[in-house]
Amino acid sequence: MDGKAVLVTGGSRGIGAAIALRLAEDGADVAITYVADEAAAQDVVRKIEATGRRGLAVRADAADAGEAAGAVDWAAQALGRLDVLVNNAGVGVLGPLDGLTLASVDRVLAVNVRGAFLASQAAAERMGQGGRIITIGSCMTQRVPGPGGTLYAMSKSALIGLTKALARELGGRGITANLVHPGPVDTDMNPADGPYADSQSGMTALGRFARPEEIAAVVAFLAGDEAAYVTGAEFSADGGHAA
């Protein structure tokens, strides 16, 4: 990753922050987006800079069409190029089907689907040979273990079609597109000691949550030179959730 330029959307915490730091440790300059917590974003930037690489942060809401694409243009200009886009920004709304409001449907699809599409579209215009588009999906695209996941599972499942189509669209230019499906991950939003942790752990074959760094390791492989022949693929880093 030496000298590569990366944008990680939603990179101020959790999986996104772990991905940003891992790619910086591997030699990349990394820009991240955030929505609300500027202090957390700047903390990630400081950790990136501590590796000796450039770190940048910009506020951009993936639900806003202009900001979703604009963040890509900003990152490419600020870093001088764009080699890797990690579509990590996402929201989850869980609940009974009859309780899902139109506002919730619109926001989840705007962030999880439209935002990823628009960022990928903008990145494709900037990338050259060897570019990488890596999107974070969910284990719920392969197995929905109970009620309440209709909207979230639908939004993340749309990313499968997006990824496969991007692989076909951009393969002739040497740009790859791949999808990573995490299982339960120990983050502030879903801690491994939270109220639903035991049931989530019990759904995995390994009986535990992932560390964010374990998801970042899969992304790092896909972003690197060794994955040059991997495209249009789905990678489950779910502890056997779908086994």
C-alpha atoms as a PDB file:
ATOM      1  CA  MET A   1       0.000   0.000   0.000  1.00  0.00           C
ATOM      2  CA  ASP A   2       3.028   2.312  -0.036  1.00  0.00           C
ATOM      3  CA  GLY A   3       2.068   5.631  -1.566  1.00  0.00           C
ATOM      4  CA  LYS A   4      -1.566   4.666  -2.191  1.00  0.00           C
ATOM      5  CA  ALA A   5      -4.392   7.102  -1.426  1.00  0.00           C
ATOM      6  CA  VAL A   6      -7.484   5.795   0.352  1.00  0.00           C
ATOM      7  CA  LEU A   7     -10.898   7.112   1.347  1.00  0.00           C
ATOM      8  CA  VAL A   8     -12.813   5.300   4.108  1.00  0.00           C
ATOM      9  CA  THR A   9     -16.356   6.548   4.548  1.00  0.00           C
ATOM     10  CA  GLY A  10     -17.646   6.473   8.104  1.00  0.00           C
ATOM     11  CA  GLY A  11     -14.088   6.165   9.360  1.00  0.00           C
ATOM     12  CA  SER A  12     -14.345   7.917  12.706  1.00  0.00           C
ATOM     13  CA  ARG A  13     -15.133   4.846  14.810  1.00  0.00           C
ATOM     14  CA  GLY A  14     -15.632   1.097  14.895  1.00  0.00           C
ATOM     15  CA  ILE A  15     -14.867  -0.919  11.788  1.00  0.00           C
ATOM     16  CA  GLY A  16     -14.179   2.173   9.699  1.00  0.00           C
ATOM     17  CA  ALA A  17     -11.577   3.517  12.107  1.00  0.00           C
ATOM     18  CA  ALA A  18      -9.859   0.124  12.280  1.00  0.00           C
ATOM     19  CA  ILE A  19      -9.745  -0.062   8.481  1.00  0.00           C
ATOM     20  CA  ALA A  20      -8.334   3.454   8.179  1.00  0.00           C
ATOM     21  CA  LEU A  21      -5.580   2.741  10.687  1.00  0.00           C
ATOM     22  CA  ARG A  22      -4.688  -0.660   9.203  1.00  0.00           C
ATOM     23  CA  LEU A  23      -4.315   0.765   5.689  1.00  0.00           C
ATOM     24  CA  ALA A  24      -2.177   3.593   7.050  1.00  0.00           C
ATOM     25  CA  GLU A  25       0.009   1.056   8.839  1.00  0.00           C
ATOM     26  CA  ASP A  26       0.352  -0.718   5.494  1.00  0.00           C
ATOM     27  CA  GLY A  27       1.677   2.495   3.925  1.00  0.00           C
ATOM     28  CA  ALA A  28      -1.334   4.378   2.559  1.00  0.00           C
ATOM     29  CA  ASP A  29      -2.389   7.995   3.013  1.00  0.00           C
ATOM     30  CA  VAL A  30      -5.938   7.865   4.348  1.00  0.00           C
ATOM     31  CA  ALA A  31      -8.880  10.261   4.323  1.00  0.00           C
ATOM     32  CA  ILE A  32     -12.006   9.522   6.322  1.00  0.00           C
ATOM     33  CA  THR A  33     -15.521  10.915   6.497  1.00  0.00           C
ATOM     34  CA  TYR A  34     -17.635  11.434   9.571  1.00  0.00           C
ATOM     35  CA  VAL A  35     -21.093  12.843  10.311  1.00  0.00           C
ATOM     36  CA  ALA A  36     -21.365  13.908  13.943  1.00  0.00           C
ATOM     37  CA  ASP A  37     -18.260  13.261  16.043  1.00  0.00           C
ATOM     38  CA  GLU A  38     -15.477  15.518  14.808  1.00  0.00           C
ATOM     39  CA  ALA A  39     -13.366  14.836  17.892  1.00  0.00           C
ATOM     40  CA  ALA A  40     -13.391  11.090  17.207  1.00  0.00           C
ATOM     41  CA  ALA A  41     -12.509  11.712  13.558  1.00  0.00           C
ATOM     42  CA  GLN A  42      -9.565  13.899  14.490  1.00  0.00           C
ATOM     43  CA  ASP A  43      -8.384  11.240  16.927  1.00  0.00           C
ATOM     44  CA  VAL A  44      -8.304   8.756  14.047  1.00  0.00           C
ATOM     45  CA  VAL A  45      -6.391  11.308  11.956  1.00  0.00           C
ATOM     46  CA  ARG A  46      -3.790  11.651  14.716  1.00  0.00           C
ATOM     47  CA  LYS A  47      -3.375   7.870  14.871  1.00  0.00           C
ATOM     48  CA  ILE A  48      -2.922   7.751  11.095  1.00  0.00           C
ATOM     49  CA  GLU A  49      -0.306  10.493  11.245  1.00  0.00           C
ATOM     50  CA  ALA A  50       1.486   8.612  14.026  1.00  0.00           C
ATOM     51  CA  THR A  51       2.213   5.875  11.458  1.00  0.00           C
ATOM     52  CA  GLY A  52       4.029   8.439   9.325  1.00  0.00           C
ATOM     53  CA  ARG A  53       1.258   8.720   6.720  1.00  0.00           C
ATOM     54  CA  ARG A  54      -1.086  11.576   5.860  1.00  0.00           C
ATOM     55  CA  GLY A  55      -4.465  11.590   7.548  1.00  0.00           C
ATOM     56  CA  LEU A  56      -7.439  13.797   6.698  1.00  0.00           C
ATOM     57  CA  ALA A  57     -11.059  14.014   7.812  1.00  0.00           C
ATOM     58  CA  VAL A  58     -14.094  15.733   6.344  1.00  0.00           C
ATOM     59  CA  ARG A  59     -17.705  15.909   7.453  1.00  0.00           C
ATOM     60  CA  ALA A  60     -19.916  14.211   4.855  1.00  0.00           C
ATOM     61  CA  ASP A  61     -23.298  12.562   5.298  1.00  0.00           C
ATOM     62  CA  ALA A  62     -23.701   9.623   2.928  1.00  0.00           C
ATOM     63  CA  ALA A  63     -27.465  10.259   2.986  1.00  0.00           C
ATOM     64  CA  ASP A  64     -26.848  13.525   1.137  1.00  0.00           C
ATOM     65  CA  ALA A  65     -26.311  12.830  -2.562  1.00  0.00           C
ATOM     66  CA  GLY A  66     -23.996  15.774  -3.040  1.00  0.00           C
ATOM     67  CA  GLU A  67     -21.894  14.989  -0.005  1.00  0.00           C
ATOM     68  CA  ALA A  68     -21.623  11.279  -0.819  1.00  0.00           C
ATOM     69  CA  ALA A  69     -20.008  12.018  -4.168  1.00  0.00           C
ATOM     70  CA  GLY A  70     -18.352  15.237  -3.052  1.00  0.00           C
ATOM     71  CA  ALA A  71     -16.341  13.493  -0.353  1.00  0.00           C
ATOM     72  CA  VAL A  72     -14.700  11.351  -3.022  1.00  0.00           C
ATOM     73  CA  ASP A  73     -13.752  14.378  -5.097  1.00  0.00           C
ATOM     74  CA  TRP A  74     -12.445  16.140  -1.991  1.00  0.00           C
ATOM     75  CA  ALA A  75     -10.300  13.165  -0.976  1.00  0.00           C
ATOM     76  CA  ALA A  76      -8.850  12.751  -4.455  1.00  0.00           C
ATOM     77  CA  GLN A  77      -7.930  16.421  -4.624  1.00  0.00           C
ATOM     78  CA  ALA A  78      -6.560  16.570  -1.085  1.00  0.00           C
ATOM     79  CA  LEU A  79      -4.451  13.425  -1.479  1.00  0.00           C
ATOM     80  CA  GLY A  80      -3.535  14.059  -5.106  1.00  0.00           C
ATOM     81  CA  ARG A  81      -5.060  10.794  -6.311  1.00  0.00           C
ATOM     82  CA  LEU A  82      -7.459   8.035  -5.262  1.00  0.00           C
ATOM     83  CA  ASP A  83      -6.528   4.370  -5.362  1.00  0.00           C
ATOM     84  CA  VAL A  84      -8.914   2.759  -2.877  1.00  0.00           C
ATOM     85  CA  LEU A  85     -12.475   3.526  -1.807  1.00  0.00           C
ATOM     86  CA  VAL A  86     -13.896   1.721   1.218  1.00  0.00           C
ATOM     87  CA  ASN A  87     -17.675   2.136   1.392  1.00  0.00           C
ATOM     88  CA  ASN A  88     -18.064   1.655   5.122  1.00  0.00           C
ATOM     89  CA  ALA A  89     -20.620   4.296   6.124  1.00  0.00           C
ATOM     90  CA  GLY A  90     -23.899   2.691   7.063  1.00  0.00           C
ATOM     91  CA  VAL A  91     -26.897   2.866   9.348  1.00  0.00           C
ATOM     92  CA  GLY A  92     -29.009   0.122  10.836  1.00  0.00           C
ATOM     93  CA  VAL A  93     -32.665   0.381  11.712  1.00  0.00           C
ATOM     94  CA  LEU A  94     -34.065  -2.793  13.204  1.00  0.00           C
ATOM     95  CA  GLY A  95     -37.644  -3.433  14.219  1.00  0.00           C
ATOM     96  CA  PRO A  96     -40.961  -5.072  13.305  1.00  0.00           C
ATOM     97  CA  LEU A  97     -42.048  -4.677   9.709  1.00  0.00           C
ATOM     98  CA  ASP A  98     -45.238  -2.850  10.610  1.00  0.00           C
ATOM     99  CA  GLY A  99     -43.295  -0.314  12.656  1.00  0.00           C
ATOM    100  CA  LEU A 100     -40.862   0.805   9.958  1.00  0.00           C
ATOM    101  CA  THR A 101     -41.634   4.357   8.881  1.00  0.00           C
ATOM    102  CA  LEU A 102     -41.136   5.824   5.430  1.00  0.00           C
ATOM    103  CA  ALA A 103     -38.539   8.164   6.908  1.00  0.00           C
ATOM    104  CA  SER A 104     -36.553   5.187   8.184  1.00  0.00           C
ATOM    105  CA  VAL A 105     -36.786   3.415   4.835  1.00  0.00           C
ATOM    106  CA  ASP A 106     -35.617   6.507   2.980  1.00  0.00           C
ATOM    107  CA  ARG A 107     -32.647   7.165   5.270  1.00  0.00           C
ATOM    108  CA  VAL A 108     -31.401   3.568   5.386  1.00  0.00           C
ATOM    109  CA  LEU A 109     -31.569   3.214   1.610  1.00  0.00           C
ATOM    110  CA  ALA A 110     -30.027   6.656   1.102  1.00  0.00           C
ATOM    111  CA  VAL A 111     -27.010   5.855   3.273  1.00  0.00           C
ATOM    112  CA  ASN A 112     -26.494   2.142   2.717  1.00  0.00           C
ATOM    113  CA  VAL A 113     -27.343   1.911  -0.984  1.00  0.00           C
ATOM    114  CA  ARG A 114     -27.471   5.270  -2.752  1.00  0.00           C
ATOM    115  CA  GLY A 115     -24.492   6.645  -0.840  1.00  0.00           C
ATOM    116  CA  ALA A 116     -22.358   3.622  -1.721  1.00  0.00           C
ATOM    117  CA  PHE A 117     -23.433   3.820  -5.367  1.00  0.00           C
ATOM    118  CA  LEU A 118     -22.686   7.533  -5.703  1.00  0.00           C
ATOM    119  CA  ALA A 119     -19.325   7.239  -3.958  1.00  0.00           C
ATOM    120  CA  SER A 120     -18.379   4.311  -6.196  1.00  0.00           C
ATOM    121  CA  GLN A 121     -19.483   6.212  -9.287  1.00  0.00           C
ATOM    122  CA  ALA A 122     -17.368   9.206  -8.310  1.00  0.00           C
ATOM    123  CA  ALA A 123     -14.392   7.027  -7.403  1.00  0.00           C
ATOM    124  CA  ALA A 124     -14.506   5.203 -10.732  1.00  0.00           C
ATOM    125  CA  GLU A 125     -13.991   8.521 -12.488  1.00  0.00           C
ATOM    126  CA  ARG A 126     -10.850   9.165 -10.441  1.00  0.00           C
ATOM    127  CA  MET A 127      -9.231   5.727 -10.313  1.00  0.00           C
ATOM    128  CA  GLY A 128      -6.710   4.265 -12.681  1.00  0.00           C
ATOM    129  CA  GLN A 129      -5.333   0.789 -13.231  1.00  0.00           C
ATOM    130  CA  GLY A 130      -5.222  -1.145  -9.961  1.00  0.00           C
ATOM    131  CA  GLY A 131      -8.014   0.795  -8.271  1.00  0.00           C
ATOM    132  CA  ARG A 132     -10.032  -0.892  -5.547  1.00  0.00           C
ATOM    133  CA  ILE A 133     -13.639  -0.435  -4.443  1.00  0.00           C
ATOM    134  CA  ILE A 134     -14.359  -2.354  -1.250  1.00  0.00           C
ATOM    135  CA  THR A 135     -17.791  -2.243   0.340  1.00  0.00           C
ATOM    136  CA  ILE A 136     -18.841  -3.347   3.813  1.00  0.00           C
ATOM    137  CA  GLY A 137     -21.979  -5.488   3.722  1.00  0.00           C
ATOM    138  CA  SER A 138     -23.416  -7.641   6.495  1.00  0.00           C
ATOM    139  CA  CYS A 139     -23.793 -11.255   7.577  1.00  0.00           C
ATOM    140  CA  MET A 140     -27.537 -10.590   7.381  1.00  0.00           C
ATOM    141  CA  THR A 141     -27.360 -10.743   3.593  1.00  0.00           C
ATOM    142  CA  GLN A 142     -26.732 -14.474   3.909  1.00  0.00           C
ATOM    143  CA  ARG A 143     -28.698 -15.393   7.007  1.00  0.00           C
ATOM    144  CA  VAL A 144     -31.356 -13.392   8.826  1.00  0.00           C
ATOM    145  CA  PRO A 145     -31.614 -15.207  12.137  1.00  0.00           C
ATOM    146  CA  GLY A 146     -34.832 -13.653  13.392  1.00  0.00           C
ATOM    147  CA  PRO A 147     -37.495 -11.005  12.867  1.00  0.00           C
ATOM    148  CA  GLY A 148     -36.787  -7.292  12.783  1.00  0.00           C
ATOM    149  CA  GLY A 149     -34.093  -7.191  10.109  1.00  0.00           C
ATOM    150  CA  THR A 150     -36.163  -6.592   6.973  1.00  0.00           C
ATOM    151  CA  LEU A 151     -35.003  -3.067   6.135  1.00  0.00           C
ATOM    152  CA  TYR A 152     -31.361  -3.524   7.108  1.00  0.00           C
ATOM    153  CA  ALA A 153     -30.993  -6.877   5.333  1.00  0.00           C
ATOM    154  CA  MET A 154     -32.619  -5.479   2.199  1.00  0.00           C
ATOM    155  CA  SER A 155     -30.291  -2.503   2.090  1.00  0.00           C
ATOM    156  CA  LYS A 156     -27.144  -4.551   2.580  1.00  0.00           C
ATOM    157  CA  SER A 157     -28.262  -7.202   0.087  1.00  0.00           C
ATOM    158  CA  ALA A 158     -28.470  -4.515  -2.597  1.00  0.00           C
ATOM    159  CA  LEU A 159     -24.710  -4.121  -2.248  1.00  0.00           C
ATOM    160  CA  ILE A 160     -24.188  -7.614  -3.649  1.00  0.00           C
ATOM    161  CA  GLY A 161     -25.676  -6.576  -6.981  1.00  0.00           C
ATOM    162  CA  LEU A 162     -23.787  -3.291  -6.901  1.00  0.00           C
ATOM    163  CA  THR A 163     -20.476  -5.047  -6.303  1.00  0.00           C
ATOM    164  CA  LYS A 164     -20.920  -7.642  -9.026  1.00  0.00           C
ATOM    165  CA  ALA A 165     -22.032  -5.011 -11.528  1.00  0.00           C
ATOM    166  CA  LEU A 166     -19.101  -2.740 -10.649  1.00  0.00           C
ATOM    167  CA  ALA A 167     -16.723  -5.646 -11.180  1.00  0.00           C
ATOM    168  CA  ARG A 168     -18.073  -6.136 -14.711  1.00  0.00           C
ATOM    169  CA  GLU A 169     -18.242  -2.423 -15.437  1.00  0.00           C
ATOM    170  CA  LEU A 170     -14.710  -1.606 -14.296  1.00  0.00           C
ATOM    171  CA  GLY A 171     -12.798  -4.837 -14.844  1.00  0.00           C
ATOM    172  CA  GLY A 172     -11.540  -3.739 -18.244  1.00  0.00           C
ATOM    173  CA  ARG A 173      -9.794  -0.842 -16.552  1.00  0.00           C
ATOM    174  CA  GLY A 174      -8.108  -3.069 -13.983  1.00  0.00           C
ATOM    175  CA  ILE A 175     -10.310  -1.813 -11.141  1.00  0.00           C
ATOM    176  CA  THR A 176     -11.693  -4.421  -8.756  1.00  0.00           C
ATOM    177  CA  ALA A 177     -14.842  -4.359  -6.619  1.00  0.00           C
ATOM    178  CA  ASN A 178     -15.438  -6.647  -3.669  1.00  0.00           C
ATOM    179  CA  LEU A 179     -17.739  -6.979  -0.680  1.00  0.00           C
ATOM    180  CA  VAL A 180     -16.974  -7.916   2.940  1.00  0.00           C
ATOM    181  CA  HIS A 181     -19.732  -9.286   5.184  1.00  0.00           C
ATOM    182  CA  PRO A 182     -18.901  -8.843   8.891  1.00  0.00           C
ATOM    183  CA  GLY A 183     -20.686 -10.758  11.581  1.00  0.00           C
ATOM    184  CA  PRO A 184     -21.175  -9.256  15.047  1.00  0.00           C
ATOM    185  CA  VAL A 185     -18.263  -6.923  15.771  1.00  0.00           C
ATOM    186  CA  ASP A 186     -17.288  -5.433  19.113  1.00  0.00           C
ATOM    187  CA  THR A 187     -17.860  -1.699  18.611  1.00  0.00           C
ATOM    188  CA  ASP A 188     -19.361   1.178  20.568  1.00  0.00           C
ATOM    189  CA  MET A 189     -22.622   0.679  18.683  1.00  0.00           C
ATOM    190  CA  ASN A 190     -22.754  -3.063  19.370  1.00  0.00           C
ATOM    191  CA  PRO A 191     -20.455  -3.944  22.274  1.00  0.00           C
ATOM    192  CA  ALA A 192     -19.494  -7.529  22.999  1.00  0.00           C
ATOM    193  CA  ASP A 193     -20.821  -7.069  26.530  1.00  0.00           C
ATOM    194  CA  GLY A 194     -24.066  -5.408  25.443  1.00  0.00           C
ATOM    195  CA  PRO A 195     -27.614  -6.582  26.180  1.00  0.00           C
ATOM    196  CA  TYR A 196     -27.870  -8.622  22.964  1.00  0.00           C
ATOM    197  CA  ALA A 197     -24.319  -9.934  22.921  1.00  0.00           C
ATOM    198  CA  ASP A 198     -24.992 -13.469  24.134  1.00  0.00           C
ATOM    199  CA  SER A 199     -27.593 -14.174  21.472  1.00  0.00           C
ATOM    200  CA  GLN A 200     -25.419 -12.711  18.715  1.00  0.00           C
ATOM    201  CA  SER A 201     -22.350 -14.668  19.802  1.00  0.00           C
ATOM    202  CA  GLY A 202     -24.438 -17.823  19.968  1.00  0.00           C
ATOM    203  CA  MET A 203     -25.344 -17.454  16.296  1.00  0.00           C
ATOM    204  CA  THR A 204     -21.701 -17.753  15.242  1.00  0.00           C
ATOM    205  CA  ALA A 205     -19.704 -20.951  14.961  1.00  0.00           C
ATOM    206  CA  LEU A 206     -16.837 -19.398  16.931  1.00  0.00           C
ATOM    207  CA  GLY A 207     -19.099 -18.216  19.725  1.00  0.00           C
ATOM    208  CA  ARG A 208     -17.708 -14.686  19.920  1.00  0.00           C
ATOM    209  CA  PHE A 209     -17.713 -11.204  18.459  1.00  0.00           C
ATOM    210  CA  ALA A 210     -15.029 -10.102  16.023  1.00  0.00           C
ATOM    211  CA  ARG A 211     -12.527  -7.402  16.829  1.00  0.00           C
ATOM    212  CA  PRO A 212     -12.711  -4.493  14.337  1.00  0.00           C
ATOM    213  CA  GLU A 213      -9.106  -5.232  13.415  1.00  0.00           C
ATOM    214  CA  GLU A 214     -10.126  -8.673  12.142  1.00  0.00           C
ATOM    215  CA  ILE A 215     -12.487  -7.103   9.609  1.00  0.00           C
ATOM    216  CA  ALA A 216      -9.815  -4.558   8.695  1.00  0.00           C
ATOM    217  CA  ALA A 217      -7.412  -7.392   7.899  1.00  0.00           C
ATOM    218  CA  VAL A 218      -9.763  -8.737   5.217  1.00  0.00           C
ATOM    219  CA  VAL A 219     -10.132  -5.268   3.723  1.00  0.00           C
ATOM    220  CA  ALA A 220      -6.357  -4.830   3.759  1.00  0.00           C
ATOM    221  CA  PHE A 221      -5.936  -7.992   1.705  1.00  0.00           C
ATOM    222  CA  LEU A 222      -8.480  -6.835  -0.869  1.00  0.00           C
ATOM    223  CA  ALA A 223      -6.855  -3.401  -1.066  1.00  0.00           C
ATOM    224  CA  GLY A 224      -3.393  -4.813  -1.684  1.00  0.00           C
ATOM    225  CA  ASP A 225      -1.550  -6.070  -4.729  1.00  0.00           C
ATOM    226  CA  GLU A 226      -2.068  -9.736  -3.862  1.00  0.00           C
ATOM    227  CA  ALA A 227      -5.812  -9.384  -4.523  1.00  0.00           C
ATOM    228  CA  ALA A 228      -5.391  -8.055  -8.055  1.00  0.00           C
ATOM    229  CA  TYR A 229      -7.246 -11.070  -9.519  1.00  0.00           C
ATOM    230  CA  VAL A 230     -10.099 -10.963  -7.011  1.00  0.00           C
ATOM    231  CA  THR A 231     -13.208  -9.062  -8.096  1.00  0.00           C
ATOM    232  CA  GLY A 232     -16.969  -9.341  -7.864  1.00  0.00           C
ATOM    233  CA  ALA A 233     -16.533 -11.508  -4.778  1.00  0.00           C
ATOM    234  CA  GLU A 234     -18.153 -11.687  -1.352  1.00  0.00           C
ATOM    235  CA  PHE A 235     -16.032 -12.390   1.716  1.00  0.00           C
ATOM    236  CA  SER A 236     -17.669 -13.525   4.949  1.00  0.00           C
ATOM    237  CA  ALA A 237     -15.799 -12.457   8.075  1.00  0.00           C
ATOM    238  CA  ASP A 238     -18.671 -13.531  10.285  1.00  0.00           C
ATOM    239  CA  GLY A 239     -17.303 -16.154  12.667  1.00  0.00           C
ATOM    240  CA  GLY A 240     -19.415 -18.792  10.921  1.00  0.00           C
ATOM    241  CA  HIS A 241     -22.705 -16.876  11.247  1.00  0.00           C
ATOM    242  CA  ALA A 242     -23.791 -18.231   7.860  1.00  0.00           C
ATOM    243  CA  ALA A 243     -22.316 -21.724   8.343  1.00  0.00           C
END
